[in-house]
Amino acid sequence: MKKIDLKKKYQTRDGHKVELHDIVLENSCGGLVTYPVKGTIYLDGKKNWGHQETRYTGWSIYGIQDVVFGNHSEWDLIEIK
């Protein structure tokens, strides 16, 4: 598996646009975090007076949404080439 690179473009498995914000490997106490990749998923449809619905979330360093149970998610990241 390749690590996520902020210089590359990604989308979710189900095709939603993703904007990555940051990769934070450690919390404020110096401990490793489970979901170091932070970003926004742009969902289909309009809500909130015409604004596009978004979801702020985190991924593992490999772009996996659910590392705790190991399930594949529609929100796992795939690189756009």
C-alpha atoms as a PDB file:
ATOM      1  CA  MET A   1       0.000   0.000   0.000  1.00  0.00           C
ATOM      2  CA  LYS A   2       1.184   3.489  -0.818  1.00  0.00           C
ATOM      3  CA  LYS A   3       1.129   6.247   1.750  1.00  0.00           C
ATOM      4  CA  ILE A   4      -1.072   9.271   1.153  1.00  0.00           C
ATOM      5  CA  ASP A   5       0.763  12.235  -0.372  1.00  0.00           C
ATOM      6  CA  LEU A   6      -0.770  15.711  -0.020  1.00  0.00           C
ATOM      7  CA  LYS A   7       0.650  16.675  -3.431  1.00  0.00           C
ATOM      8  CA  LYS A   8      -1.542  14.086  -5.204  1.00  0.00           C
ATOM      9  CA  LYS A   9      -5.299  14.153  -5.846  1.00  0.00           C
ATOM     10  CA  TYR A  10      -7.686  11.609  -4.364  1.00  0.00           C
ATOM     11  CA  GLN A  11     -11.331  10.649  -4.434  1.00  0.00           C
ATOM     12  CA  THR A  12     -13.400   8.199  -2.420  1.00  0.00           C
ATOM     13  CA  ARG A  13     -14.074   4.688  -3.726  1.00  0.00           C
ATOM     14  CA  ASP A  14     -17.620   5.758  -4.564  1.00  0.00           C
ATOM     15  CA  GLY A  15     -16.377   8.734  -6.615  1.00  0.00           C
ATOM     16  CA  HIS A  16     -16.791  11.730  -4.291  1.00  0.00           C
ATOM     17  CA  LYS A  17     -14.297  14.583  -4.562  1.00  0.00           C
ATOM     18  CA  VAL A  18     -11.863  14.851  -1.642  1.00  0.00           C
ATOM     19  CA  GLU A  19      -9.810  17.814  -0.451  1.00  0.00           C
ATOM     20  CA  LEU A  20      -6.964  16.798   1.870  1.00  0.00           C
ATOM     21  CA  HIS A  21      -5.948  19.382   4.468  1.00  0.00           C
ATOM     22  CA  ASP A  22      -3.128  17.977   6.554  1.00  0.00           C
ATOM     23  CA  ILE A  23      -1.315  14.911   7.834  1.00  0.00           C
ATOM     24  CA  VAL A  24      -0.809  14.995  11.603  1.00  0.00           C
ATOM     25  CA  LEU A  25       1.004  11.889  12.835  1.00  0.00           C
ATOM     26  CA  GLU A  26       1.063  12.776  16.557  1.00  0.00           C
ATOM     27  CA  ASN A  27      -1.408  14.350  18.956  1.00  0.00           C
ATOM     28  CA  SER A  28      -0.537  17.226  21.305  1.00  0.00           C
ATOM     29  CA  CYS A  29       0.915  14.777  23.859  1.00  0.00           C
ATOM     30  CA  GLY A  30       3.219  13.115  21.322  1.00  0.00           C
ATOM     31  CA  GLY A  31       1.199   9.929  20.879  1.00  0.00           C
ATOM     32  CA  LEU A  32       0.557   8.420  17.462  1.00  0.00           C
ATOM     33  CA  VAL A  33      -2.947   9.005  16.082  1.00  0.00           C
ATOM     34  CA  THR A  34      -5.121   6.405  14.346  1.00  0.00           C
ATOM     35  CA  TYR A  35      -6.366   8.714  11.582  1.00  0.00           C
ATOM     36  CA  PRO A  36      -3.551  11.160  10.731  1.00  0.00           C
ATOM     37  CA  VAL A  37      -4.872  12.227   7.295  1.00  0.00           C
ATOM     38  CA  LYS A  38      -7.479  14.991   7.616  1.00  0.00           C
ATOM     39  CA  GLY A  39      -9.738  16.169   4.825  1.00  0.00           C
ATOM     40  CA  THR A  40     -13.178  17.014   3.468  1.00  0.00           C
ATOM     41  CA  ILE A  41     -15.447  14.839   1.338  1.00  0.00           C
ATOM     42  CA  TYR A  42     -17.777  16.740  -1.008  1.00  0.00           C
ATOM     43  CA  LEU A  43     -21.066  14.835  -1.097  1.00  0.00           C
ATOM     44  CA  ASP A  44     -23.732  14.961  -3.798  1.00  0.00           C
ATOM     45  CA  GLY A  45     -26.814  17.069  -3.349  1.00  0.00           C
ATOM     46  CA  LYS A  46     -27.538  20.500  -1.990  1.00  0.00           C
ATOM     47  CA  LYS A  47     -28.490  21.233   1.591  1.00  0.00           C
ATOM     48  CA  ASN A  48     -28.350  24.228   3.878  1.00  0.00           C
ATOM     49  CA  TRP A  49     -29.746  26.885   1.523  1.00  0.00           C
ATOM     50  CA  GLY A  50     -27.986  25.677  -1.606  1.00  0.00           C
ATOM     51  CA  HIS A  51     -24.546  24.951  -0.131  1.00  0.00           C
ATOM     52  CA  GLN A  52     -22.916  21.664  -1.049  1.00  0.00           C
ATOM     53  CA  GLU A  53     -22.954  19.088   1.733  1.00  0.00           C
ATOM     54  CA  THR A  54     -19.490  18.230   3.039  1.00  0.00           C
ATOM     55  CA  ARG A  55     -18.108  15.862   5.642  1.00  0.00           C
ATOM     56  CA  TYR A  56     -14.842  16.497   7.513  1.00  0.00           C
ATOM     57  CA  THR A  57     -13.170  13.196   8.351  1.00  0.00           C
ATOM     58  CA  GLY A  58      -9.892  11.359   8.824  1.00  0.00           C
ATOM     59  CA  TRP A  59      -8.115   8.411   7.223  1.00  0.00           C
ATOM     60  CA  SER A  60      -5.147   6.213   8.027  1.00  0.00           C
ATOM     61  CA  ILE A  61      -1.813   7.108   6.408  1.00  0.00           C
ATOM     62  CA  TYR A  62      -2.790   4.596   3.682  1.00  0.00           C
ATOM     63  CA  GLY A  63      -6.217   6.154   3.014  1.00  0.00           C
ATOM     64  CA  ILE A  64      -8.316   3.608   4.923  1.00  0.00           C
ATOM     65  CA  GLN A  65     -11.468   4.911   6.634  1.00  0.00           C
ATOM     66  CA  ASP A  66     -11.966   2.061   9.132  1.00  0.00           C
ATOM     67  CA  VAL A  67      -8.688   0.752  10.560  1.00  0.00           C
ATOM     68  CA  VAL A  68     -10.261  -0.452  13.810  1.00  0.00           C
ATOM     69  CA  PHE A  69     -12.429  -3.227  12.301  1.00  0.00           C
ATOM     70  CA  GLY A  70     -10.578  -3.499   8.969  1.00  0.00           C
ATOM     71  CA  ASN A  71     -13.709  -3.113   6.874  1.00  0.00           C
ATOM     72  CA  HIS A  72     -13.458  -1.554   3.436  1.00  0.00           C
ATOM     73  CA  SER A  73     -15.469   1.629   3.155  1.00  0.00           C
ATOM     74  CA  GLU A  74     -16.921   3.587   0.253  1.00  0.00           C
ATOM     75  CA  TRP A  75     -14.976   6.522   1.721  1.00  0.00           C
ATOM     76  CA  ASP A  76     -11.539   4.871   1.431  1.00  0.00           C
ATOM     77  CA  LEU A  77      -9.212   6.993  -0.700  1.00  0.00           C
ATOM     78  CA  ILE A  78      -8.043   6.141  -4.201  1.00  0.00           C
ATOM     79  CA  GLU A  79      -5.583   8.232  -6.172  1.00  0.00           C
ATOM     80  CA  ILE A  80      -6.775  10.097  -9.263  1.00  0.00           C
ATOM     81  CA  LYS A  81      -4.298   9.708 -12.098  1.00  0.00           C
END
